[in-house]
Amino acid sequence: MASKKFKIPLGDALNKLKNSGNEFVELFTHGSLLVEIYKPNEVDNQKPHSRDEVYVVVSGSGEFILEDERTVFSPGDVLFVPAGAEHRFENFTDNFVTWVFFYGPEGGEK
């Protein structure tokens, strides 16, 4: 879904997510960059991804697990996940929503 947009309003992203019926929706691509919005429903069932990933927490709080490390997150936090790493959100509030940014080559940047 290549686009020339340079702004993605949060309200528009949340409406698109709600209307999709999914836990995430792709919003923008440019080169290797892919932007999504993600709102897991009770359980985060993610599997490791093939590219590097950055989360920017929009709302809610909880715990983020990256491999064997656990950290608390809240709105505004930025979380980095290298390609192939086991990760998930746990004990998150009902209002948890995060931007997701995938970028770079398959296998991650070196």
PDB file of N, CA and C in Angstrom:
ATOM      1  N   MET A   1       0.837  -1.170   0.000  1.00  0.00           N
ATOM      2  CA  MET A   1       0.000   0.000   0.000  1.00  0.00           C
ATOM      3  C   MET A   1       0.884   1.236   0.000  1.00  0.00           C
ATOM      4  N   ALA A   2       1.648   1.452  -1.036  1.00  0.00           N
ATOM      5  CA  ALA A   2       2.504   2.632  -1.117  1.00  0.00           C
ATOM      6  C   ALA A   2       1.645   3.883  -1.102  1.00  0.00           C
ATOM      7  N   SER A   3       2.155   4.899  -0.455  1.00  0.00           N
ATOM      8  CA  SER A   3       1.387   6.123  -0.306  1.00  0.00           C
ATOM      9  C   SER A   3       2.320   7.306  -0.270  1.00  0.00           C
ATOM     10  N   LYS A   4       1.801   8.478  -0.643  1.00  0.00           N
ATOM     11  CA  LYS A   4       2.577   9.710  -0.569  1.00  0.00           C
ATOM     12  C   LYS A   4       2.201  10.503   0.664  1.00  0.00           C
ATOM     13  N   LYS A   5       1.441   9.902   1.564  1.00  0.00           N
ATOM     14  CA  LYS A   5       1.068  10.590   2.799  1.00  0.00           C
ATOM     15  C   LYS A   5       2.304  10.960   3.587  1.00  0.00           C
ATOM     16  N   PHE A   6       2.240  12.057   4.291  1.00  0.00           N
ATOM     17  CA  PHE A   6       3.314  12.393   5.204  1.00  0.00           C
ATOM     18  C   PHE A   6       2.778  12.570   6.611  1.00  0.00           C
ATOM     19  N   LYS A   7       1.466  12.372   6.787  1.00  0.00           N
ATOM     20  CA  LYS A   7       0.851  12.453   8.103  1.00  0.00           C
ATOM     21  C   LYS A   7      -0.214  11.361   8.214  1.00  0.00           C
ATOM     22  N   ILE A   8      -0.201  10.668   9.336  1.00  0.00           N
ATOM     23  CA  ILE A   8      -1.223   9.663   9.616  1.00  0.00           C
ATOM     24  C   ILE A   8      -1.874  10.070  10.929  1.00  0.00           C
ATOM     25  N   PRO A   9      -3.040  10.716  10.887  1.00  0.00           N
ATOM     26  CA  PRO A   9      -3.704  11.101  12.131  1.00  0.00           C
ATOM     27  C   PRO A   9      -4.080   9.868  12.953  1.00  0.00           C
ATOM     28  N   LEU A  10      -3.842   9.933  14.258  1.00  0.00           N
ATOM     29  CA  LEU A  10      -4.149   8.815  15.134  1.00  0.00           C
ATOM     30  C   LEU A  10      -5.612   8.409  15.023  1.00  0.00           C
ATOM     31  N   GLY A  11      -6.521   9.372  15.004  1.00  0.00           N
ATOM     32  CA  GLY A  11      -7.949   9.059  14.891  1.00  0.00           C
ATOM     33  C   GLY A  11      -8.270   8.269  13.638  1.00  0.00           C
ATOM     34  N   ASP A  12      -7.664   8.652  12.510  1.00  0.00           N
ATOM     35  CA  ASP A  12      -7.879   7.922  11.257  1.00  0.00           C
ATOM     36  C   ASP A  12      -7.352   6.487  11.368  1.00  0.00           C
ATOM     37  N   ALA A  13      -6.174   6.352  11.986  1.00  0.00           N
ATOM     38  CA  ALA A  13      -5.584   5.016  12.147  1.00  0.00           C
ATOM     39  C   ALA A  13      -6.468   4.134  13.021  1.00  0.00           C
ATOM     40  N   LEU A  14      -6.962   4.691  14.119  1.00  0.00           N
ATOM     41  CA  LEU A  14      -7.823   3.911  15.018  1.00  0.00           C
ATOM     42  C   LEU A  14      -9.134   3.530  14.360  1.00  0.00           C
ATOM     43  N   ASN A  15      -9.717   4.427  13.556  1.00  0.00           N
ATOM     44  CA  ASN A  15     -10.948   4.104  12.821  1.00  0.00           C
ATOM     45  C   ASN A  15     -10.711   2.992  11.812  1.00  0.00           C
ATOM     46  N   LYS A  16      -9.596   3.064  11.105  1.00  0.00           N
ATOM     47  CA  LYS A  16      -9.282   2.017  10.129  1.00  0.00           C
ATOM     48  C   LYS A  16      -9.083   0.675  10.840  1.00  0.00           C
ATOM     49  N   LEU A  17      -8.420   0.713  11.986  1.00  0.00           N
ATOM     50  CA  LEU A  17      -8.220  -0.510  12.764  1.00  0.00           C
ATOM     51  C   LEU A  17      -9.561  -1.083  13.215  1.00  0.00           C
ATOM     52  N   LYS A  18     -10.403  -0.250  13.772  1.00  0.00           N
ATOM     53  CA  LYS A  18     -11.714  -0.705  14.253  1.00  0.00           C
ATOM     54  C   LYS A  18     -12.536  -1.310  13.113  1.00  0.00           C
ATOM     55  N   ASN A  19     -12.548  -0.638  11.967  1.00  0.00           N
ATOM     56  CA  ASN A  19     -13.329  -1.114  10.824  1.00  0.00           C
ATOM     57  C   ASN A  19     -12.760  -2.377  10.198  1.00  0.00           C
ATOM     58  N   SER A  20     -11.477  -2.662  10.440  1.00  0.00           N
ATOM     59  CA  SER A  20     -10.855  -3.846   9.849  1.00  0.00           C
ATOM     60  C   SER A  20     -11.272  -5.133  10.565  1.00  0.00           C
ATOM     61  N   GLY A  21     -11.617  -5.008  11.867  1.00  0.00           N
ATOM     62  CA  GLY A  21     -11.934  -6.191  12.652  1.00  0.00           C
ATOM     63  C   GLY A  21     -10.698  -6.987  13.057  1.00  0.00           C
ATOM     64  N   ASN A  22      -9.519  -6.455  12.770  1.00  0.00           N
ATOM     65  CA  ASN A  22      -8.257  -7.134  13.100  1.00  0.00           C
ATOM     66  C   ASN A  22      -7.583  -6.460  14.287  1.00  0.00           C
ATOM     67  N   GLU A  23      -6.516  -7.082  14.780  1.00  0.00           N
ATOM     68  CA  GLU A  23      -5.740  -6.498  15.875  1.00  0.00           C
ATOM     69  C   GLU A  23      -4.710  -5.502  15.369  1.00  0.00           C
ATOM     70  N   PHE A  24      -4.381  -5.546  14.081  1.00  0.00           N
ATOM     71  CA  PHE A  24      -3.448  -4.577  13.503  1.00  0.00           C
ATOM     72  C   PHE A  24      -3.899  -4.258  12.087  1.00  0.00           C
ATOM     73  N   VAL A  25      -3.428  -3.118  11.600  1.00  0.00           N
ATOM     74  CA  VAL A  25      -3.710  -2.750  10.222  1.00  0.00           C
ATOM     75  C   VAL A  25      -2.507  -1.986   9.674  1.00  0.00           C
ATOM     76  N   GLU A  26      -2.151  -2.292   8.418  1.00  0.00           N
ATOM     77  CA  GLU A  26      -1.081  -1.575   7.735  1.00  0.00           C
ATOM     78  C   GLU A  26      -1.610  -0.224   7.288  1.00  0.00           C
ATOM     79  N   LEU A  27      -0.811   0.828   7.511  1.00  0.00           N
ATOM     80  CA  LEU A  27      -1.249   2.184   7.211  1.00  0.00           C
ATOM     81  C   LEU A  27      -0.417   2.878   6.146  1.00  0.00           C
ATOM     82  N   PHE A  28       0.858   2.522   6.050  1.00  0.00           N
ATOM     83  CA  PHE A  28       1.761   3.281   5.187  1.00  0.00           C
ATOM     84  C   PHE A  28       2.987   2.445   4.874  1.00  0.00           C
ATOM     85  N   THR A  29       3.466   2.544   3.630  1.00  0.00           N
ATOM     86  CA  THR A  29       4.743   1.940   3.260  1.00  0.00           C
ATOM     87  C   THR A  29       5.545   2.942   2.447  1.00  0.00           C
ATOM     88  N   HIS A  30       6.845   2.858   2.594  1.00  0.00           N
ATOM     89  CA  HIS A  30       7.768   3.655   1.785  1.00  0.00           C
ATOM     90  C   HIS A  30       9.123   2.965   1.859  1.00  0.00           C
ATOM     91  N   GLY A  31       9.624   2.494   0.726  1.00  0.00           N
ATOM     92  CA  GLY A  31      10.871   1.735   0.747  1.00  0.00           C
ATOM     93  C   GLY A  31      10.707   0.534   1.666  1.00  0.00           C
ATOM     94  N   SER A  32      11.622   0.386   2.613  1.00  0.00           N
ATOM     95  CA  SER A  32      11.534  -0.744   3.543  1.00  0.00           C
ATOM     96  C   SER A  32      10.640  -0.451   4.744  1.00  0.00           C
ATOM     97  N   LEU A  33      10.190   0.796   4.880  1.00  0.00           N
ATOM     98  CA  LEU A  33       9.380   1.185   6.039  1.00  0.00           C
ATOM     99  C   LEU A  33       7.931   0.723   5.881  1.00  0.00           C
ATOM    100  N   LEU A  34       7.410   0.095   6.940  1.00  0.00           N
ATOM    101  CA  LEU A  34       5.996  -0.275   7.024  1.00  0.00           C
ATOM    102  C   LEU A  34       5.480   0.243   8.356  1.00  0.00           C
ATOM    103  N   VAL A  35       4.380   1.008   8.327  1.00  0.00           N
ATOM    104  CA  VAL A  35       3.778   1.553   9.539  1.00  0.00           C
ATOM    105  C   VAL A  35       2.430   0.879   9.759  1.00  0.00           C
ATOM    106  N   GLU A  36       2.222   0.403  10.994  1.00  0.00           N
ATOM    107  CA  GLU A  36       0.962  -0.233  11.386  1.00  0.00           C
ATOM    108  C   GLU A  36       0.486   0.375  12.697  1.00  0.00           C
ATOM    109  N   ILE A  37      -0.756   0.095  13.017  1.00  0.00           N
ATOM    110  CA  ILE A  37      -1.293   0.364  14.358  1.00  0.00           C
ATOM    111  C   ILE A  37      -1.730  -1.000  14.889  1.00  0.00           C
ATOM    112  N   TYR A  38      -1.488  -1.236  16.189  1.00  0.00           N
ATOM    113  CA  TYR A  38      -1.717  -2.563  16.766  1.00  0.00           C
ATOM    114  C   TYR A  38      -2.413  -2.430  18.110  1.00  0.00           C
ATOM    115  N   LYS A  39      -3.488  -3.220  18.274  1.00  0.00           N
ATOM    116  CA  LYS A  39      -4.230  -3.274  19.532  1.00  0.00           C
ATOM    117  C   LYS A  39      -4.594  -4.732  19.790  1.00  0.00           C
ATOM    118  N   PRO A  40      -3.748  -5.446  20.535  1.00  0.00           N
ATOM    119  CA  PRO A  40      -4.070  -6.853  20.810  1.00  0.00           C
ATOM    120  C   PRO A  40      -5.298  -6.974  21.700  1.00  0.00           C
ATOM    121  N   ASN A  41      -6.004  -8.065  21.543  1.00  0.00           N
ATOM    122  CA  ASN A  41      -7.224  -8.323  22.302  1.00  0.00           C
ATOM    123  C   ASN A  41      -6.932  -9.357  23.385  1.00  0.00           C
ATOM    124  N   GLU A  42      -6.670  -8.922  24.595  1.00  0.00           N
ATOM    125  CA  GLU A  42      -6.430  -9.747  25.780  1.00  0.00           C
ATOM    126  C   GLU A  42      -5.089 -10.470  25.790  1.00  0.00           C
ATOM    127  N   VAL A  43      -4.679 -11.070  24.668  1.00  0.00           N
ATOM    128  CA  VAL A  43      -3.424 -11.819  24.606  1.00  0.00           C
ATOM    129  C   VAL A  43      -2.665 -11.402  23.352  1.00  0.00           C
ATOM    130  N   ASP A  44      -1.366 -11.191  23.493  1.00  0.00           N
ATOM    131  CA  ASP A  44      -0.504 -10.861  22.363  1.00  0.00           C
ATOM    132  C   ASP A  44       0.117 -12.156  21.860  1.00  0.00           C
ATOM    133  N   ASN A  45      -0.316 -12.608  20.694  1.00  0.00           N
ATOM    134  CA  ASN A  45       0.151 -13.880  20.137  1.00  0.00           C
ATOM    135  C   ASN A  45       1.198 -13.700  19.044  1.00  0.00           C
ATOM    136  N   GLN A  46       1.955 -12.620  19.097  1.00  0.00           N
ATOM    137  CA  GLN A  46       2.951 -12.367  18.066  1.00  0.00           C
ATOM    138  C   GLN A  46       4.017 -13.453  18.011  1.00  0.00           C
ATOM    139  N   LYS A  47       4.543 -13.632  16.839  1.00  0.00           N
ATOM    140  CA  LYS A  47       5.708 -14.480  16.600  1.00  0.00           C
ATOM    141  C   LYS A  47       6.856 -13.555  16.203  1.00  0.00           C
ATOM    142  N   PRO A  48       8.097 -14.023  16.294  1.00  0.00           N
ATOM    143  CA  PRO A  48       9.214 -13.184  15.862  1.00  0.00           C
ATOM    144  C   PRO A  48       9.035 -12.731  14.410  1.00  0.00           C
ATOM    145  N   HIS A  49       9.504 -11.525  14.133  1.00  0.00           N
ATOM    146  CA  HIS A  49       9.382 -10.948  12.793  1.00  0.00           C
ATOM    147  C   HIS A  49      10.726 -11.007  12.078  1.00  0.00           C
ATOM    148  N   SER A  50      10.681 -10.939  10.767  1.00  0.00           N
ATOM    149  CA  SER A  50      11.895 -11.091   9.968  1.00  0.00           C
ATOM    150  C   SER A  50      12.666  -9.780   9.782  1.00  0.00           C
ATOM    151  N   ARG A  51      12.076  -8.664  10.233  1.00  0.00           N
ATOM    152  CA  ARG A  51      12.750  -7.365  10.106  1.00  0.00           C
ATOM    153  C   ARG A  51      12.781  -6.671  11.462  1.00  0.00           C
ATOM    154  N   ASP A  52      13.669  -5.702  11.613  1.00  0.00           N
ATOM    155  CA  ASP A  52      13.716  -4.905  12.829  1.00  0.00           C
ATOM    156  C   ASP A  52      12.400  -4.165  12.997  1.00  0.00           C
ATOM    157  N   GLU A  53      12.069  -3.864  14.263  1.00  0.00           N
ATOM    158  CA  GLU A  53      10.749  -3.306  14.579  1.00  0.00           C
ATOM    159  C   GLU A  53      10.878  -2.312  15.731  1.00  0.00           C
ATOM    160  N   VAL A  54      10.093  -1.242  15.642  1.00  0.00           N
ATOM    161  CA  VAL A  54      10.013  -0.251  16.712  1.00  0.00           C
ATOM    162  C   VAL A  54       8.545  -0.064  17.063  1.00  0.00           C
ATOM    163  N   TYR A  55       8.243  -0.060  18.360  1.00  0.00           N
ATOM    164  CA  TYR A  55       6.905   0.260  18.853  1.00  0.00           C
ATOM    165  C   TYR A  55       6.964   1.628  19.510  1.00  0.00           C
ATOM    166  N   VAL A  56       5.926   2.434  19.302  1.00  0.00           N
ATOM    167  CA  VAL A  56       5.740   3.682  20.038  1.00  0.00           C
ATOM    168  C   VAL A  56       4.362   3.579  20.684  1.00  0.00           C
ATOM    169  N   VAL A  57       4.339   3.480  22.005  1.00  0.00           N
ATOM    170  CA  VAL A  57       3.093   3.245  22.735  1.00  0.00           C
ATOM    171  C   VAL A  57       2.222   4.507  22.689  1.00  0.00           C
ATOM    172  N   VAL A  58       1.000   4.337  22.207  1.00  0.00           N
ATOM    173  CA  VAL A  58       0.035   5.430  22.112  1.00  0.00           C
ATOM    174  C   VAL A  58      -0.712   5.585  23.430  1.00  0.00           C
ATOM    175  N   SER A  59      -1.265   4.480  23.921  1.00  0.00           N
ATOM    176  CA  SER A  59      -2.061   4.525  25.149  1.00  0.00           C
ATOM    177  C   SER A  59      -1.965   3.180  25.856  1.00  0.00           C
ATOM    178  N   GLY A  60      -2.298   3.207  27.129  1.00  0.00           N
ATOM    179  CA  GLY A  60      -2.288   1.986  27.926  1.00  0.00           C
ATOM    180  C   GLY A  60      -0.922   1.736  28.544  1.00  0.00           C
ATOM    181  N   SER A  61      -0.877   0.687  29.331  1.00  0.00           N
ATOM    182  CA  SER A  61       0.358   0.313  30.008  1.00  0.00           C
ATOM    183  C   SER A  61       0.363  -1.192  30.198  1.00  0.00           C
ATOM    184  N   GLY A  62       1.513  -1.714  30.598  1.00  0.00           N
ATOM    185  CA  GLY A  62       1.643  -3.145  30.820  1.00  0.00           C
ATOM    186  C   GLY A  62       3.098  -3.515  30.906  1.00  0.00           C
ATOM    187  N   GLU A  63       3.383  -4.748  30.512  1.00  0.00           N
ATOM    188  CA  GLU A  63       4.747  -5.243  30.527  1.00  0.00           C
ATOM    189  C   GLU A  63       5.116  -5.716  29.128  1.00  0.00           C
ATOM    190  N   PHE A  64       6.371  -5.470  28.758  1.00  0.00           N
ATOM    191  CA  PHE A  64       6.888  -5.899  27.467  1.00  0.00           C
ATOM    192  C   PHE A  64       8.015  -6.881  27.725  1.00  0.00           C
ATOM    193  N   ILE A  65       7.958  -8.028  27.038  1.00  0.00           N
ATOM    194  CA  ILE A  65       8.977  -9.051  27.180  1.00  0.00           C
ATOM    195  C   ILE A  65       9.748  -9.125  25.869  1.00  0.00           C
ATOM    196  N   LEU A  66      11.070  -8.991  25.976  1.00  0.00           N
ATOM    197  CA  LEU A  66      11.970  -9.152  24.838  1.00  0.00           C
ATOM    198  C   LEU A  66      12.972 -10.215  25.236  1.00  0.00           C
ATOM    199  N   GLU A  67      12.852 -11.393  24.569  1.00  0.00           N
ATOM    200  CA  GLU A  67      13.672 -12.550  24.926  1.00  0.00           C
ATOM    201  C   GLU A  67      13.462 -12.857  26.408  1.00  0.00           C
ATOM    202  N   ASP A  68      14.462 -12.694  27.263  1.00  0.00           N
ATOM    203  CA  ASP A  68      14.305 -13.010  28.683  1.00  0.00           C
ATOM    204  C   ASP A  68      14.277 -11.762  29.561  1.00  0.00           C
ATOM    205  N   GLU A  69      14.066 -10.594  28.932  1.00  0.00           N
ATOM    206  CA  GLU A  69      14.020  -9.343  29.682  1.00  0.00           C
ATOM    207  C   GLU A  69      12.593  -8.808  29.717  1.00  0.00           C
ATOM    208  N   ARG A  70      12.156  -8.358  30.890  1.00  0.00           N
ATOM    209  CA  ARG A  70      10.807  -7.832  31.080  1.00  0.00           C
ATOM    210  C   ARG A  70      10.919  -6.379  31.534  1.00  0.00           C
ATOM    211  N   THR A  71      10.088  -5.499  30.939  1.00  0.00           N
ATOM    212  CA  THR A  71      10.080  -4.093  31.337  1.00  0.00           C
ATOM    213  C   THR A  71       8.653  -3.566  31.331  1.00  0.00           C
ATOM    214  N   VAL A  72       8.385  -2.602  32.173  1.00  0.00           N
ATOM    215  CA  VAL A  72       7.078  -1.939  32.223  1.00  0.00           C
ATOM    216  C   VAL A  72       7.051  -0.870  31.142  1.00  0.00           C
ATOM    217  N   PHE A  73       5.906  -0.711  30.461  1.00  0.00           N
ATOM    218  CA  PHE A  73       5.771   0.342  29.454  1.00  0.00           C
ATOM    219  C   PHE A  73       4.547   1.197  29.748  1.00  0.00           C
ATOM    220  N   SER A  74       4.569   2.426  29.207  1.00  0.00           N
ATOM    221  CA  SER A  74       3.460   3.365  29.341  1.00  0.00           C
ATOM    222  C   SER A  74       3.445   4.271  28.112  1.00  0.00           C
ATOM    223  N   PRO A  75       2.412   5.118  27.959  1.00  0.00           N
ATOM    224  CA  PRO A  75       2.301   5.962  26.773  1.00  0.00           C
ATOM    225  C   PRO A  75       3.560   6.794  26.523  1.00  0.00           C
ATOM    226  N   GLY A  76       3.952   6.828  25.255  1.00  0.00           N
ATOM    227  CA  GLY A  76       5.106   7.592  24.840  1.00  0.00           C
ATOM    228  C   GLY A  76       6.391   6.785  24.802  1.00  0.00           C
ATOM    229  N   ASP A  77       6.400   5.599  25.414  1.00  0.00           N
ATOM    230  CA  ASP A  77       7.612   4.777  25.412  1.00  0.00           C
ATOM    231  C   ASP A  77       7.891   4.237  24.010  1.00  0.00           C
ATOM    232  N   VAL A  78       9.168   4.098  23.721  1.00  0.00           N
ATOM    233  CA  VAL A  78       9.640   3.520  22.464  1.00  0.00           C
ATOM    234  C   VAL A  78      10.338   2.209  22.796  1.00  0.00           C
ATOM    235  N   LEU A  79       9.964   1.141  22.086  1.00  0.00           N
ATOM    236  CA  LEU A  79      10.511  -0.197  22.316  1.00  0.00           C
ATOM    237  C   LEU A  79      11.101  -0.715  21.009  1.00  0.00           C
ATOM    238  N   PHE A  80      12.336  -1.191  21.048  1.00  0.00           N
ATOM    239  CA  PHE A  80      13.002  -1.735  19.863  1.00  0.00           C
ATOM    240  C   PHE A  80      13.085  -3.248  19.960  1.00  0.00           C
ATOM    241  N   VAL A  81      12.812  -3.918  18.830  1.00  0.00           N
ATOM    242  CA  VAL A  81      12.905  -5.380  18.750  1.00  0.00           C
ATOM    243  C   VAL A  81      13.741  -5.736  17.523  1.00  0.00           C
ATOM    244  N   PRO A  82      14.893  -6.377  17.735  1.00  0.00           N
ATOM    245  CA  PRO A  82      15.678  -6.803  16.575  1.00  0.00           C
ATOM    246  C   PRO A  82      14.982  -7.961  15.844  1.00  0.00           C
ATOM    247  N   ALA A  83      15.239  -8.047  14.560  1.00  0.00           N
ATOM    248  CA  ALA A  83      14.654  -9.116  13.743  1.00  0.00           C
ATOM    249  C   ALA A  83      14.917 -10.475  14.378  1.00  0.00           C
ATOM    250  N   GLY A  84      13.889 -11.316  14.394  1.00  0.00           N
ATOM    251  CA  GLY A  84      14.011 -12.679  14.878  1.00  0.00           C
ATOM    252  C   GLY A  84      13.868 -12.857  16.375  1.00  0.00           C
ATOM    253  N   ALA A  85      13.749 -11.769  17.141  1.00  0.00           N
ATOM    254  CA  ALA A  85      13.682 -11.876  18.598  1.00  0.00           C
ATOM    255  C   ALA A  85      12.274 -12.224  19.079  1.00  0.00           C
ATOM    256  N   GLU A  86      12.196 -13.125  20.049  1.00  0.00           N
ATOM    257  CA  GLU A  86      10.930 -13.440  20.712  1.00  0.00           C
ATOM    258  C   GLU A  86      10.514 -12.205  21.515  1.00  0.00           C
ATOM    259  N   HIS A  87       9.255 -11.814  21.381  1.00  0.00           N
ATOM    260  CA  HIS A  87       8.768 -10.655  22.123  1.00  0.00           C
ATOM    261  C   HIS A  87       7.249 -10.698  22.217  1.00  0.00           C
ATOM    262  N   ARG A  88       6.716  -9.994  23.233  1.00  0.00           N
ATOM    263  CA  ARG A  88       5.262  -9.916  23.386  1.00  0.00           C
ATOM    264  C   ARG A  88       4.925  -8.901  24.477  1.00  0.00           C
ATOM    265  N   PHE A  89       3.677  -8.467  24.432  1.00  0.00           N
ATOM    266  CA  PHE A  89       3.130  -7.599  25.469  1.00  0.00           C
ATOM    267  C   PHE A  89       2.314  -8.473  26.415  1.00  0.00           C
ATOM    268  N   GLU A  90       2.427  -8.204  27.716  1.00  0.00           N
ATOM    269  CA  GLU A  90       1.659  -8.948  28.720  1.00  0.00           C
ATOM    270  C   GLU A  90       1.077  -7.977  29.735  1.00  0.00           C
ATOM    271  N   ASN A  91       0.031  -8.443  30.413  1.00  0.00           N
ATOM    272  CA  ASN A  91      -0.597  -7.676  31.501  1.00  0.00           C
ATOM    273  C   ASN A  91      -0.911  -6.240  31.089  1.00  0.00           C
ATOM    274  N   PHE A  92      -1.350  -6.076  29.844  1.00  0.00           N
ATOM    275  CA  PHE A  92      -1.635  -4.735  29.343  1.00  0.00           C
ATOM    276  C   PHE A  92      -3.091  -4.350  29.594  1.00  0.00           C
ATOM    277  N   THR A  93      -3.314  -3.043  29.713  1.00  0.00           N
ATOM    278  CA  THR A  93      -4.643  -2.506  29.964  1.00  0.00           C
ATOM    279  C   THR A  93      -5.503  -2.616  28.703  1.00  0.00           C
ATOM    280  N   ASP A  94      -6.819  -2.535  28.887  1.00  0.00           N
ATOM    281  CA  ASP A  94      -7.765  -2.658  27.771  1.00  0.00           C
ATOM    282  C   ASP A  94      -7.566  -1.580  26.709  1.00  0.00           C
ATOM    283  N   ASN A  95      -7.036  -0.428  27.112  1.00  0.00           N
ATOM    284  CA  ASN A  95      -6.877   0.685  26.167  1.00  0.00           C
ATOM    285  C   ASN A  95      -5.498   0.700  25.494  1.00  0.00           C
ATOM    286  N   PHE A  96      -4.733  -0.379  25.617  1.00  0.00           N
ATOM    287  CA  PHE A  96      -3.398  -0.424  25.021  1.00  0.00           C
ATOM    288  C   PHE A  96      -3.468  -0.385  23.500  1.00  0.00           C
ATOM    289  N   VAL A  97      -2.733   0.571  22.922  1.00  0.00           N
ATOM    290  CA  VAL A  97      -2.579   0.718  21.473  1.00  0.00           C
ATOM    291  C   VAL A  97      -1.145   1.167  21.220  1.00  0.00           C
ATOM    292  N   THR A  98      -0.544   0.655  20.155  1.00  0.00           N
ATOM    293  CA  THR A  98       0.821   1.069  19.809  1.00  0.00           C
ATOM    294  C   THR A  98       0.990   1.208  18.297  1.00  0.00           C
ATOM    295  N   TRP A  99       1.793   2.207  17.917  1.00  0.00           N
ATOM    296  CA  TRP A  99       2.268   2.291  16.540  1.00  0.00           C
ATOM    297  C   TRP A  99       3.322   1.200  16.385  1.00  0.00           C
ATOM    298  N   VAL A 100       3.445   0.649  15.187  1.00  0.00           N
ATOM    299  CA  VAL A 100       4.462  -0.349  14.881  1.00  0.00           C
ATOM    300  C   VAL A 100       5.177   0.099  13.603  1.00  0.00           C
ATOM    301  N   PHE A 101       6.515   0.081  13.649  1.00  0.00           N
ATOM    302  CA  PHE A 101       7.320   0.464  12.492  1.00  0.00           C
ATOM    303  C   PHE A 101       8.287  -0.678  12.182  1.00  0.00           C
ATOM    304  N   PHE A 102       8.107  -1.313  11.025  1.00  0.00           N
ATOM    305  CA  PHE A 102       9.049  -2.310  10.522  1.00  0.00           C
ATOM    306  C   PHE A 102       9.941  -1.604   9.514  1.00  0.00           C
ATOM    307  N   TYR A 103      11.222  -1.961   9.503  1.00  0.00           N
ATOM    308  CA  TYR A 103      12.129  -1.317   8.553  1.00  0.00           C
ATOM    309  C   TYR A 103      13.339  -2.212   8.303  1.00  0.00           C
ATOM    310  N   GLY A 104      14.062  -1.872   7.264  1.00  0.00           N
ATOM    311  CA  GLY A 104      15.317  -2.523   6.959  1.00  0.00           C
ATOM    312  C   GLY A 104      15.164  -3.845   6.248  1.00  0.00           C
ATOM    313  N   PRO A 105      16.285  -4.515   6.034  1.00  0.00           N
ATOM    314  CA  PRO A 105      16.287  -5.760   5.275  1.00  0.00           C
ATOM    315  C   PRO A 105      15.772  -6.942   6.099  1.00  0.00           C
ATOM    316  N   GLU A 106      15.394  -7.997   5.377  1.00  0.00           N
ATOM    317  CA  GLU A 106      15.056  -9.259   6.028  1.00  0.00           C
ATOM    318  C   GLU A 106      16.275  -9.679   6.863  1.00  0.00           C
ATOM    319  N   GLY A 107      16.029 -10.145   8.088  1.00  0.00           N
ATOM    320  CA  GLY A 107      17.120 -10.532   8.965  1.00  0.00           C
ATOM    321  C   GLY A 107      17.648  -9.400   9.820  1.00  0.00           C
ATOM    322  N   GLY A 108      17.153  -8.183   9.570  1.00  0.00           N
ATOM    323  CA  GLY A 108      17.557  -7.034  10.365  1.00  0.00           C
ATOM    324  C   GLY A 108      18.826  -6.370   9.882  1.00  0.00           C
ATOM    325  N   GLU A 109      19.066  -5.186  10.419  1.00  0.00           N
ATOM    326  CA  GLU A 109      20.274  -4.449  10.081  1.00  0.00           C
ATOM    327  C   GLU A 109      21.448  -5.001  10.858  1.00  0.00           C
ATOM    328  N   LYS A 110      22.617  -4.927  10.300  1.00  0.00           N
ATOM    329  CA  LYS A 110      23.828  -5.446  10.947  1.00  0.00           C
ATOM    330  C   LYS A 110      24.543  -4.363  11.697  1.00  0.00           C
TER     331      LYS A 110
END
